[in-house]
Structure formats: C-alpha cells, structure tokens
Amino acid sequence: MTTTKKTRREFLQQSLMAGAGLTITAMGMPASSYARILGANDRVNVGLVGFSDRARQALLPSFFSHNKELNFDLVAVSDIWNRRREEGKAFLEEKTGHKVRACVNNDELYRIKDLDAVFIASADFQHAYHTIEAVKNKCDVYSEKPFAETMDDARKALKAVKESGRIMQVGTQRRSGTSYHAAANFIKEGKFGDITMVEMTWNVNQPGRWRRPDLVKSIRESDTDWKRFLAGRPNDSWDPRKYLEYRLFWPYSSGIFGQWMTHQIDTVHWFSGLKHPRSAVANGGIYMWHDGRKNPDTLTAVFDYGPADNPEKGFQVMYSSRFHNSAGGTKEIYYSNGGTIDMSTSKITSTGGLTEKEAAEMGMHANLLTPMTLSTQEKAETSANTGGDPLTSAHVRNWMTSVRDRRQPHAPIEAAYSHSIALIMGNAAYRTGMKATFDEATQEVMVGGKVFTM
C-alpha cells in the first residue's frame, strides 16, 4: 500500500467514519465493509495460501494479467511445505520484481500489516477452513473450489463470510463466461422453456491424473506441518500420498465430485435458480487404476432438482465421469421440450424438440427453438484441463474489481455453499449406496434418516 505520513486508506476510513458514516450505513453496507472502501490510488495487497499447481498455472498468471491496471500487488505466500514455500517466494519475486514474504503458516501470514486479500489454493478439504481464517482476519477471499466437503465446514464458512462483510469469490469460473451468461439469460427470460433434463460428462484417459509419484518419494514429514495440514480432519498418521495426492483419498477430497462436478453442477444452480438437489443417487468404483486410491475412477450420479413443495415440477441431472477412456470429453447439455443448449459448442438448437408431426397427433403445436450461437466472444471452457484459460482470467479479474468496488462477485459465498451441498449429497449417495436428501431445517445431508458424516 502506498504511504505518506498517513496512508490514503487511513485518511479515507477516518473521513468516512467522521463525515459520511450515516449515509454509507443507509446504503446497507456493514461497518466492517465500508471501513475497507478503497480509493482509486490505494494498492490492494494480496497474499497466497498454498503455492499449488493451480496457483502457479492459472490463478497467478490471471492475477498478473490485471494487477498493474487495477493496482494490486502480491506481497506474501504461505505454505507449510518448505519446498513449495521457497518455490513460491522465488516465483513471486520474479513476477513482482520485489521481495515477497514467505510465511511458514497462516498465523504468520495474517500478522502482516495492511494485508487486504488472499488467494486460497490449498487442498480441497481446507478451502472452507482457510476462508474462515481469512475473513476473521479482515481479508477478502478468492477461494478455489470445491468450497466445502462437509456440511459442518460449509455452514461455518457461510456464517463467517456473511458476518464479516468481506468479498468472497469461489473459483467456479464458468460464472464469468460470456456464453454462460448468455445461456443463463436465455433460460431466465423464458425463451428456453422449462429445463427437463441436464446431461453432464467429464471424461479423461489419464492414469497420472492427481498423482505425484516423484514428489511423494522426495517429501519427508519434517519438511512440513502434518498436524496443521489436517485442518479439522480426524487425526491420522503421516502419509505423503494423502498430503500430495489428497484428491485420491476421502476424507481429504471427494475426488470427481469435488474437483470436476462442482464446475458443472454450479451452472445448474445458476441457470435454474435452485439452491441444491432434492435427492441424489450414485454408483461407481475403482475399475481401472488400482494404485491404492480410495476415490473412484469411474462414477455416475443422478440428481433430482425442483421445488421442495412441488414434487411434480422439476428435472433430472445425470452426471458421469471416467479416468480410463476420454471418449465424449467434457459436455454440458440442457434439454427442454423445444431443443437443447449445448455449452460445449455454445449453441442453442432445435435438436430433439417437439415437431409438427408429433404435436399434431395430440392436437398440439410444434415447439422448436430457433438455432443460434450464444457467444462469439470466447470459446466455452469444456476441456478437462482447467489451467490458464480465459474464463479463469475473467473470473479473477471480476474478483479484483469486486474487491475494489465492494460489490458482489459473480460466484459469491451463496454459490459456494450450493455447490458444496450437491457434492456432499453425491458423495453421501456413493459411499452409502443409498439415496441422499437435504434437510432444509437443519441444513444437513441425510441418508436413511440419518445425518451423513465422515
């Protein structure tokens, strides 16, 4: 942050509190939020929690595409593994051209004066935990998805973010895509008709996906802080595979549900306006890659969506994923009686819609959508490689401008909470072999009349 005898932010905060507090409060902004309004010349200081592959390959390149224009700076990295901590420091110092603080843990990170915001790119199960830490230390947050793998984590994080008044964006970057915005508007304006079904796939042929064999061989428990890594998970003995290949092991990750399905199921919530499924069933297993993993390499889940008080209205979502054959790639297809929206091509078509011949037999009229392209401004992200893509860049920029303007980003805490419910329901159904439902009153995922827990 730029300084003189008194920082611009300190001057701004005191001026606001002294002269315009009542006006700003009348705008509905909590004191914890308006006290952080930034002047145009204020620099926003950002820290990084976890120097992960995702951070290095996507989040940081996106950040450095916009930081000079928006006056943001990366001042610190926190990582409990000494190797990643030093790599992160070197990487960021090269990018920023100045010294960057390397913190052994988040306690040290949040002792930095004038830290304004953080990227959270830690392990799947830690995102909600680290978000709570951040907002309690008065920092805005960009958190990678999945947001939470248990309802306890999800509820606590939702409460903490809402009470803090901080800006929080979760990394479901489809919400910053122009083609996705066009599809959402098309549906919400009633042009598509009722959604009747959604089919989603995410297929790869990658035996090495989420594997880190060379790193597993090199890391030692003394290189890191295993107890801090557990972040609320049950006590467990040191295991380098669980530390580095956590996406293969429950309860450190739900695997396919958390890593891939969250991207796609989030669009269902966005497009439909529904907050979560009514029920979920799932099946799958480890059919190909018998490498010690505990999360499946093949998975199919079916979700029922619709109003809780109207079981006759709704639609089905079928999600499938496999690691051992990439045929079909990554798809998101929405169906109505009049045709389809295919997000892999960004096109609306009349394919499968009610024709004149079929309609006439029942005294009805044809119902066919007019074919159109949703957007030519960008190619929809449908690849299983979610690296440094245009959507991530747009999503990070949206967060940065939201931090500066103090407005809701495209994927706020409510979106994070909703996709967490869906992934937890899917995981519960897969692990128990039973139908999972959601109790609105208790905000718990239920299986066989009991609360689903780890």
Protein backbone atom coordinates (compact mmCIF):
# COMPACT_ATOMS: atom_id res chain seq x y z
CA MET A 1 0.00 0.00 0.00
CA THR A 2 1.33 3.43 -0.92
CA THR A 3 2.06 5.66 2.05
CA THR A 4 2.89 9.24 3.02
CA LYS A 5 2.79 10.44 6.63
CA LYS A 6 -0.65 8.90 6.77
CA THR A 7 -1.81 6.22 4.34
CA ARG A 8 -4.54 7.10 1.90
CA ARG A 9 -6.64 4.28 3.32
CA GLU A 10 -6.34 5.53 6.88
CA PHE A 11 -7.32 9.01 5.76
CA LEU A 12 -10.24 7.65 3.75
CA GLN A 13 -11.51 5.49 6.58
CA GLN A 14 -11.36 8.31 9.10
CA SER A 15 -13.09 10.70 6.70
CA LEU A 16 -15.85 8.20 6.03
CA MET A 17 -16.39 7.42 9.67
CA ALA A 18 -16.38 11.06 10.70
CA GLY A 19 -18.31 12.69 7.91
CA ALA A 20 -20.36 10.17 5.99
CA GLY A 21 -20.99 7.23 8.27
CA LEU A 22 -24.76 7.64 8.37
CA THR A 23 -25.02 7.94 4.61
CA ILE A 24 -22.98 4.83 3.97
CA THR A 25 -24.81 2.86 6.62
CA ALA A 26 -28.06 3.81 4.93
CA MET A 27 -26.74 2.10 1.80
CA GLY A 28 -26.97 -1.18 3.66
CA MET A 29 -23.23 -1.78 3.94
CA PRO A 30 -21.96 -3.15 7.26
CA ALA A 31 -19.30 -1.16 9.08
CA SER A 32 -16.83 -3.99 8.50
CA SER A 33 -17.29 -3.48 4.77
CA TYR A 34 -17.42 0.28 4.33
CA ALA A 35 -14.38 0.72 6.52
CA ARG A 36 -12.44 -1.02 3.75
CA ILE A 37 -13.63 1.01 0.75
CA LEU A 38 -10.58 1.70 -1.37
CA GLY A 39 -9.54 4.89 -3.06
CA ALA A 40 -8.55 4.81 -6.71
CA ASN A 41 -4.87 5.13 -5.77
CA ASP A 42 -4.92 2.56 -2.97
CA ARG A 43 -2.88 -0.54 -3.65
CA VAL A 44 -4.55 -3.83 -2.68
CA ASN A 45 -2.06 -6.15 -1.01
CA VAL A 46 -2.68 -9.84 -1.62
CA GLY A 47 -1.32 -13.00 -0.03
CA LEU A 48 -1.30 -16.53 -1.43
CA VAL A 49 -2.35 -19.50 0.71
CA GLY A 50 -0.79 -22.57 -0.90
CA PHE A 51 1.67 -22.45 -3.79
CA SER A 52 -0.09 -25.26 -5.65
CA ASP A 53 -0.14 -26.25 -9.33
CA ARG A 54 -3.45 -24.46 -9.70
CA ALA A 55 -2.00 -21.28 -8.25
CA ARG A 56 1.12 -21.38 -10.41
CA GLN A 57 -0.56 -22.41 -13.67
CA ALA A 58 -3.82 -20.44 -13.59
CA LEU A 59 -4.56 -18.12 -10.67
CA LEU A 60 -1.27 -16.24 -10.61
CA PRO A 61 -0.98 -15.79 -14.41
CA SER A 62 -4.53 -14.45 -14.35
CA PHE A 63 -3.71 -12.11 -11.47
CA PHE A 64 -0.60 -10.76 -13.15
CA SER A 65 -2.59 -10.07 -16.31
CA HIS A 66 -4.63 -7.47 -14.41
CA ASN A 67 -2.75 -6.41 -11.29
CA LYS A 68 -0.95 -3.36 -12.67
CA GLU A 69 -4.08 -1.90 -14.25
CA LEU A 70 -6.12 -2.46 -11.08
CA ASN A 71 -3.27 -1.59 -8.68
CA PHE A 72 -2.98 -4.94 -6.88
CA ASP A 73 0.23 -6.44 -5.53
CA LEU A 74 1.24 -9.92 -4.34
CA VAL A 75 3.20 -9.46 -1.12
CA ALA A 76 3.34 -12.87 0.60
CA VAL A 77 2.99 -16.62 0.20
CA SER A 78 2.06 -19.06 2.95
CA ASP A 79 2.81 -22.76 2.56
CA ILE A 80 3.53 -25.29 5.29
CA TRP A 81 5.83 -27.34 2.99
CA ASN A 82 9.29 -25.75 2.89
CA ARG A 83 9.85 -26.70 -0.77
CA ARG A 84 6.66 -25.09 -2.02
CA ARG A 85 7.19 -22.09 0.24
CA GLU A 86 10.61 -21.33 -1.24
CA GLU A 87 9.45 -22.07 -4.79
CA GLY A 88 6.53 -19.72 -4.28
CA LYS A 89 8.76 -16.97 -2.95
CA ALA A 90 11.13 -17.25 -5.92
CA PHE A 91 8.29 -17.38 -8.44
CA LEU A 92 6.52 -14.35 -6.99
CA GLU A 93 9.65 -12.27 -6.59
CA GLU A 94 10.45 -12.83 -10.26
CA LYS A 95 6.92 -11.80 -11.24
CA THR A 96 6.62 -8.79 -8.94
CA GLY A 97 10.18 -7.51 -9.06
CA HIS A 98 10.32 -7.05 -5.30
CA LYS A 99 10.79 -9.03 -2.10
CA VAL A 100 7.93 -11.34 -1.15
CA ARG A 101 7.37 -12.63 2.39
CA ALA A 102 7.48 -16.43 2.73
CA CYS A 103 5.32 -17.49 5.70
CA VAL A 104 5.61 -20.87 7.41
CA ASN A 105 1.86 -20.88 8.12
CA ASN A 106 -1.21 -18.67 8.01
CA ASP A 107 -0.69 -17.36 11.53
CA GLU A 108 2.44 -15.65 10.26
CA LEU A 109 0.68 -14.52 7.08
CA TYR A 110 -2.08 -12.68 8.94
CA ARG A 111 0.40 -10.82 11.10
CA ILE A 112 1.43 -8.85 8.02
CA LYS A 113 0.29 -5.26 8.30
CA ASP A 114 -2.07 -3.97 5.58
CA LEU A 115 -2.80 -7.40 4.08
CA ASP A 116 -6.08 -6.85 2.24
CA ALA A 117 -6.95 -10.09 0.46
CA VAL A 118 -5.86 -13.67 -0.19
CA PHE A 119 -5.96 -16.35 -2.84
CA ILE A 120 -6.72 -19.75 -1.31
CA ALA A 121 -5.24 -22.56 -3.40
CA SER A 122 -4.72 -25.20 -0.73
CA ALA A 123 -6.05 -28.78 -0.55
CA ASP A 124 -9.73 -29.40 -1.36
CA PHE A 125 -10.86 -30.04 2.20
CA GLN A 126 -9.04 -26.95 3.52
CA HIS A 127 -10.79 -24.27 1.42
CA ALA A 128 -13.64 -23.51 3.81
CA TYR A 129 -11.31 -23.71 6.82
CA HIS A 130 -8.87 -21.27 5.26
CA THR A 131 -11.69 -18.96 4.17
CA ILE A 132 -12.87 -18.68 7.77
CA GLU A 133 -9.31 -17.81 8.83
CA ALA A 134 -9.09 -15.14 6.14
CA VAL A 135 -12.35 -13.31 6.80
CA LYS A 136 -11.76 -13.37 10.54
CA ASN A 137 -8.50 -11.58 9.77
CA LYS A 138 -10.40 -8.97 7.73
CA CYS A 139 -9.25 -10.18 4.33
CA ASP A 140 -11.26 -10.58 1.12
CA VAL A 141 -11.03 -14.04 -0.42
CA TYR A 142 -10.71 -15.79 -3.75
CA SER A 143 -11.01 -19.49 -2.89
CA GLU A 144 -10.53 -22.38 -5.23
CA LYS A 145 -13.29 -24.94 -5.47
CA PRO A 146 -14.61 -27.24 -4.14
CA PHE A 147 -15.57 -24.97 -1.30
CA ALA A 148 -16.52 -27.49 1.39
CA GLU A 149 -16.55 -31.28 1.60
CA THR A 150 -18.68 -31.48 4.77
CA MET A 151 -21.81 -29.59 5.77
CA ASP A 152 -20.22 -28.59 9.06
CA ASP A 153 -17.41 -26.83 7.18
CA ALA A 154 -19.88 -25.30 4.72
CA ARG A 155 -22.20 -23.88 7.39
CA LYS A 156 -19.37 -22.43 9.47
CA ALA A 157 -17.79 -20.77 6.44
CA LEU A 158 -21.10 -19.37 5.18
CA LYS A 159 -21.76 -17.83 8.59
CA ALA A 160 -18.24 -16.40 8.89
CA VAL A 161 -18.28 -14.79 5.44
CA LYS A 162 -21.77 -13.33 5.83
CA GLU A 163 -20.96 -11.86 9.23
CA SER A 164 -17.65 -10.41 8.06
CA GLY A 165 -18.96 -8.38 5.12
CA ARG A 166 -15.89 -9.42 3.11
CA ILE A 167 -15.84 -10.01 -0.62
CA MET A 168 -15.63 -13.73 -1.36
CA GLN A 169 -15.40 -15.39 -4.78
CA VAL A 170 -15.26 -19.15 -5.30
CA GLY A 171 -13.38 -20.49 -8.30
CA THR A 172 -16.25 -21.80 -10.42
CA GLN A 173 -15.09 -19.69 -13.33
CA ARG A 174 -17.91 -20.56 -15.71
CA ARG A 175 -19.80 -17.79 -13.91
CA SER A 176 -17.53 -15.26 -15.61
CA GLY A 177 -18.02 -16.64 -19.13
CA THR A 178 -19.99 -14.59 -21.66
CA SER A 179 -21.51 -17.69 -23.25
CA TYR A 180 -22.66 -18.91 -19.84
CA HIS A 181 -24.18 -15.53 -19.05
CA ALA A 182 -25.98 -15.63 -22.39
CA ALA A 183 -27.35 -19.12 -21.64
CA ALA A 184 -28.45 -18.08 -18.15
CA ASN A 185 -30.29 -15.05 -19.51
CA PHE A 186 -31.91 -17.08 -22.30
CA ILE A 187 -33.31 -19.53 -19.75
CA LYS A 188 -34.35 -16.93 -17.18
CA GLU A 189 -36.17 -14.89 -19.83
CA GLY A 190 -38.36 -17.94 -20.55
CA LYS A 191 -37.10 -18.42 -24.11
CA PHE A 192 -35.82 -21.95 -23.49
CA GLY A 193 -38.88 -23.27 -21.69
CA ASP A 194 -38.70 -25.46 -18.60
CA ILE A 195 -35.47 -27.40 -18.14
CA THR A 196 -36.46 -31.08 -18.37
CA MET A 197 -33.04 -32.74 -18.10
CA VAL A 198 -29.33 -31.97 -17.99
CA GLU A 199 -26.57 -34.34 -19.08
CA MET A 200 -23.00 -33.71 -17.95
CA THR A 201 -19.82 -35.67 -18.59
CA TRP A 202 -16.15 -35.21 -17.77
CA ASN A 203 -14.03 -37.98 -19.28
CA VAL A 204 -10.25 -38.34 -19.49
CA ASN A 205 -7.75 -41.16 -20.05
CA GLN A 206 -5.09 -40.13 -17.58
CA PRO A 207 -3.57 -42.72 -15.21
CA GLY A 208 -1.43 -39.92 -13.78
CA ARG A 209 -4.30 -37.55 -13.01
CA TRP A 210 -3.89 -36.28 -9.43
CA ARG A 211 -0.78 -38.46 -8.97
CA ARG A 212 2.56 -37.00 -7.81
CA PRO A 213 4.89 -40.05 -7.55
CA ASP A 214 8.18 -38.15 -7.74
CA LEU A 215 7.14 -35.65 -5.08
CA VAL A 216 5.79 -38.44 -2.86
CA LYS A 217 9.23 -40.05 -2.92
CA SER A 218 11.01 -36.83 -2.01
CA ILE A 219 8.90 -35.30 0.79
CA ARG A 220 9.51 -36.03 4.47
CA GLU A 221 7.22 -35.30 7.41
CA SER A 222 9.87 -32.97 8.82
CA ASP A 223 9.57 -30.84 5.66
CA THR A 224 6.04 -29.77 6.53
CA ASP A 225 3.44 -29.48 9.30
CA TRP A 226 1.24 -32.57 9.10
CA LYS A 227 -0.97 -31.66 12.06
CA ARG A 228 -1.74 -28.25 10.58
CA PHE A 229 -2.40 -29.90 7.22
CA LEU A 230 -5.24 -31.96 8.74
CA ALA A 231 -7.18 -28.73 9.38
CA GLY A 232 -10.00 -30.29 11.36
CA ARG A 233 -9.93 -33.76 9.77
CA PRO A 234 -9.67 -36.79 12.10
CA ASN A 235 -6.21 -37.45 13.50
CA ASP A 236 -4.17 -39.56 11.10
CA SER A 237 -0.58 -40.74 10.82
CA TRP A 238 1.76 -39.13 8.29
CA ASP A 239 1.17 -40.28 4.73
CA PRO A 240 2.93 -38.48 1.86
CA ARG A 241 0.32 -39.74 -0.61
CA LYS A 242 -2.53 -38.22 1.38
CA TYR A 243 -0.56 -35.00 1.61
CA LEU A 244 0.34 -34.72 -2.09
CA GLU A 245 -2.29 -36.89 -3.77
CA TYR A 246 -5.16 -35.94 -1.47
CA ARG A 247 -7.71 -35.91 -4.32
CA LEU A 248 -7.47 -39.70 -4.41
CA PHE A 249 -8.38 -40.13 -0.75
CA TRP A 250 -11.54 -39.47 1.27
CA PRO A 251 -11.96 -37.57 3.63
CA TYR A 252 -9.34 -35.25 2.13
CA SER A 253 -11.31 -34.98 -1.09
CA SER A 254 -14.45 -36.37 -2.68
CA GLY A 255 -12.44 -36.70 -5.89
CA ILE A 256 -14.57 -36.43 -9.01
CA PHE A 257 -17.50 -34.80 -7.20
CA GLY A 258 -15.44 -32.01 -5.70
CA GLN A 259 -12.88 -31.44 -8.43
CA TRP A 260 -14.96 -31.70 -11.59
CA MET A 261 -18.65 -31.94 -10.90
CA THR A 262 -18.69 -28.70 -8.92
CA HIS A 263 -17.86 -26.71 -12.07
CA GLN A 264 -20.79 -28.17 -13.96
CA ILE A 265 -23.38 -28.54 -11.21
CA ASP A 266 -22.83 -24.88 -10.35
CA THR A 267 -24.28 -23.92 -13.74
CA VAL A 268 -27.42 -25.92 -12.89
CA HIS A 269 -27.95 -23.82 -9.76
CA TRP A 270 -27.23 -20.62 -11.66
CA PHE A 271 -29.43 -21.36 -14.69
CA SER A 272 -32.36 -22.81 -12.73
CA GLY A 273 -32.29 -20.56 -9.66
CA LEU A 274 -32.47 -23.66 -7.44
CA LYS A 275 -30.08 -23.91 -4.50
CA HIS A 276 -29.44 -27.64 -4.38
CA PRO A 277 -30.80 -31.05 -5.45
CA ARG A 278 -33.83 -32.64 -3.84
CA SER A 279 -32.15 -36.04 -3.93
CA ALA A 280 -29.11 -37.89 -5.25
CA VAL A 281 -28.19 -41.48 -6.10
CA ALA A 282 -24.77 -42.63 -7.29
CA ASN A 283 -22.72 -45.64 -8.27
CA GLY A 284 -19.19 -46.28 -9.42
CA GLY A 285 -15.87 -47.68 -8.32
CA ILE A 286 -12.18 -48.18 -8.99
CA TYR A 287 -12.33 -50.21 -12.18
CA MET A 288 -9.02 -49.41 -13.89
CA TRP A 289 -6.38 -47.61 -11.83
CA HIS A 290 -5.72 -49.90 -8.85
CA ASP A 291 -2.97 -47.72 -7.42
CA GLY A 292 -4.08 -47.51 -3.79
CA ARG A 293 -6.58 -44.71 -4.30
CA LYS A 294 -9.85 -44.70 -2.32
CA ASN A 295 -11.90 -42.37 -4.51
CA PRO A 296 -13.46 -43.86 -7.65
CA ASP A 297 -12.01 -43.64 -11.15
CA THR A 298 -15.48 -44.14 -12.64
CA LEU A 299 -18.65 -42.51 -11.36
CA THR A 300 -22.26 -41.87 -12.33
CA ALA A 301 -24.67 -39.80 -10.26
CA VAL A 302 -28.28 -38.83 -10.85
CA PHE A 303 -29.80 -35.79 -9.14
CA ASP A 304 -33.41 -34.72 -8.88
CA TYR A 305 -33.98 -30.96 -8.91
CA GLY A 306 -37.12 -28.95 -8.34
CA PRO A 307 -39.15 -27.02 -5.76
CA ALA A 308 -39.26 -28.81 -2.41
CA ASP A 309 -43.01 -28.17 -2.13
CA ASN A 310 -43.89 -29.35 -5.66
CA PRO A 311 -42.62 -32.86 -6.47
CA GLU A 312 -44.42 -32.84 -9.84
CA LYS A 313 -42.25 -29.98 -11.12
CA GLY A 314 -38.54 -30.38 -11.73
CA PHE A 315 -35.89 -32.07 -13.82
CA GLN A 316 -33.12 -34.64 -13.69
CA VAL A 317 -29.38 -34.11 -13.86
CA MET A 318 -27.22 -37.05 -14.93
CA TYR A 319 -23.51 -36.70 -14.29
CA SER A 320 -20.83 -39.20 -15.33
CA SER A 321 -17.04 -39.25 -15.29
CA ARG A 322 -14.30 -41.74 -16.04
CA PHE A 323 -10.50 -41.68 -15.93
CA HIS A 324 -9.78 -44.55 -18.34
CA ASN A 325 -11.34 -43.53 -21.68
CA SER A 326 -11.70 -39.95 -22.89
CA ALA A 327 -14.45 -40.55 -25.46
CA GLY A 328 -17.19 -37.96 -25.05
CA GLY A 329 -14.85 -35.47 -23.43
CA THR A 330 -16.47 -32.79 -21.30
CA LYS A 331 -20.08 -31.91 -22.05
CA GLU A 332 -22.95 -29.90 -20.57
CA ILE A 333 -26.23 -30.26 -22.41
CA TYR A 334 -29.51 -28.73 -21.23
CA TYR A 335 -32.77 -30.12 -22.61
CA SER A 336 -36.24 -28.62 -22.89
CA ASN A 337 -39.29 -29.65 -24.90
CA GLY A 338 -38.13 -27.30 -27.67
CA GLY A 339 -34.48 -28.33 -28.08
CA THR A 340 -31.09 -28.08 -26.41
CA ILE A 341 -28.43 -25.75 -25.09
CA ASP A 342 -25.03 -27.36 -25.62
CA MET A 343 -22.38 -25.49 -23.63
CA SER A 344 -19.57 -27.46 -25.31
CA THR A 345 -20.44 -25.72 -28.59
CA SER A 346 -22.11 -22.60 -27.14
CA LYS A 347 -25.10 -23.27 -29.39
CA ILE A 348 -28.86 -23.44 -28.98
CA THR A 349 -30.51 -25.90 -31.36
CA SER A 350 -33.93 -27.40 -32.05
CA THR A 351 -32.46 -30.90 -31.77
CA GLY A 352 -34.99 -33.22 -30.16
CA GLY A 353 -37.68 -30.55 -29.95
CA LEU A 354 -41.40 -31.25 -30.45
CA THR A 355 -42.06 -31.44 -34.20
CA GLU A 356 -45.28 -30.55 -36.01
CA LYS A 357 -45.96 -34.20 -36.85
CA GLU A 358 -45.61 -35.41 -33.27
CA ALA A 359 -47.52 -32.44 -31.89
CA ALA A 360 -50.43 -32.74 -34.34
CA GLU A 361 -51.21 -36.25 -33.17
CA MET A 362 -52.14 -34.80 -29.78
CA GLY A 363 -53.78 -31.60 -31.06
CA MET A 364 -50.73 -29.53 -30.10
CA HIS A 365 -48.39 -27.16 -31.92
CA ALA A 366 -44.74 -27.73 -32.72
CA ASN A 367 -42.26 -26.40 -30.18
CA LEU A 368 -38.86 -25.88 -31.79
CA LEU A 369 -36.19 -23.45 -30.66
CA THR A 370 -34.62 -21.12 -33.19
CA PRO A 371 -30.96 -22.14 -33.64
CA MET A 372 -28.44 -19.57 -32.51
CA THR A 373 -24.89 -19.16 -31.16
CA LEU A 374 -24.71 -17.96 -27.59
CA SER A 375 -21.47 -16.01 -27.84
CA THR A 376 -18.62 -15.45 -30.25
CA GLN A 377 -16.53 -13.55 -27.71
CA GLU A 378 -14.98 -16.62 -26.17
CA LYS A 379 -14.82 -20.36 -26.52
CA ALA A 380 -16.68 -22.11 -23.73
CA GLU A 381 -14.40 -23.99 -21.39
CA THR A 382 -15.15 -27.67 -21.82
CA SER A 383 -11.67 -29.17 -21.62
CA ALA A 384 -10.64 -31.26 -18.64
CA ASN A 385 -7.57 -29.04 -18.50
CA THR A 386 -8.71 -26.10 -16.37
CA GLY A 387 -5.37 -24.33 -16.42
CA GLY A 388 -4.62 -20.80 -17.56
CA ASP A 389 -7.80 -20.33 -19.55
CA PRO A 390 -9.73 -17.16 -20.48
CA LEU A 391 -12.52 -17.95 -18.02
CA THR A 392 -10.13 -18.10 -15.06
CA SER A 393 -8.61 -14.80 -16.12
CA ALA A 394 -12.04 -13.19 -16.39
CA HIS A 395 -13.09 -14.69 -13.04
CA VAL A 396 -10.01 -13.45 -11.20
CA ARG A 397 -10.48 -10.01 -12.74
CA ASN A 398 -14.12 -9.98 -11.63
CA TRP A 399 -12.99 -10.70 -8.07
CA MET A 400 -10.35 -7.98 -8.19
CA THR A 401 -12.80 -5.34 -9.43
CA SER A 402 -15.34 -6.51 -6.83
CA VAL A 403 -12.75 -6.06 -4.07
CA ARG A 404 -12.08 -2.54 -5.27
CA ASP A 405 -15.75 -1.61 -5.81
CA ARG A 406 -17.11 -3.54 -2.76
CA ARG A 407 -19.79 -5.33 -4.75
CA GLN A 408 -20.84 -8.96 -5.06
CA PRO A 409 -18.67 -11.00 -7.44
CA HIS A 410 -20.03 -13.49 -9.98
CA ALA A 411 -19.62 -16.52 -7.69
CA PRO A 412 -20.23 -15.36 -4.10
CA ILE A 413 -20.43 -17.41 -0.92
CA GLU A 414 -24.01 -18.50 -1.69
CA ALA A 415 -22.84 -20.19 -4.90
CA ALA A 416 -20.03 -21.88 -2.98
CA TYR A 417 -22.47 -23.14 -0.37
CA SER A 418 -24.85 -24.52 -3.01
CA HIS A 419 -22.25 -26.49 -4.95
CA SER A 420 -20.98 -27.86 -1.63
CA ILE A 421 -24.43 -29.28 -0.82
CA ALA A 422 -24.61 -31.00 -4.22
CA LEU A 423 -21.16 -32.58 -4.00
CA ILE A 424 -21.77 -33.74 -0.41
CA MET A 425 -25.09 -35.29 -1.45
CA GLY A 426 -23.39 -37.09 -4.35
CA ASN A 427 -20.59 -38.30 -2.12
CA ALA A 428 -23.05 -39.48 0.54
CA ALA A 429 -25.05 -41.43 -2.05
CA TYR A 430 -21.92 -43.05 -3.49
CA ARG A 431 -20.40 -44.01 -0.14
CA THR A 432 -23.57 -45.44 1.38
CA GLY A 433 -25.26 -46.85 -1.71
CA MET A 434 -28.45 -45.10 -0.62
CA LYS A 435 -30.46 -42.10 -1.76
CA ALA A 436 -29.28 -38.84 -0.23
CA THR A 437 -31.62 -35.93 0.52
CA PHE A 438 -31.27 -32.50 2.10
CA ASP A 439 -32.97 -31.30 5.27
CA GLU A 440 -33.79 -27.60 4.86
CA ALA A 441 -34.45 -27.09 8.55
CA THR A 442 -31.14 -28.48 9.81
CA GLN A 443 -29.10 -27.83 6.64
CA GLU A 444 -27.84 -31.40 6.76
CA VAL A 445 -27.39 -34.08 4.10
CA MET A 446 -29.46 -37.10 5.09
CA VAL A 447 -29.10 -40.79 4.22
CA GLY A 448 -31.55 -43.38 5.53
CA GLY A 449 -32.94 -40.88 8.03
CA LYS A 450 -29.50 -40.15 9.49
CA VAL A 451 -27.07 -37.28 9.05
CA PHE A 452 -24.22 -38.14 6.67
CA THR A 453 -20.81 -37.60 8.29
CA MET A 454 -17.24 -38.57 7.55
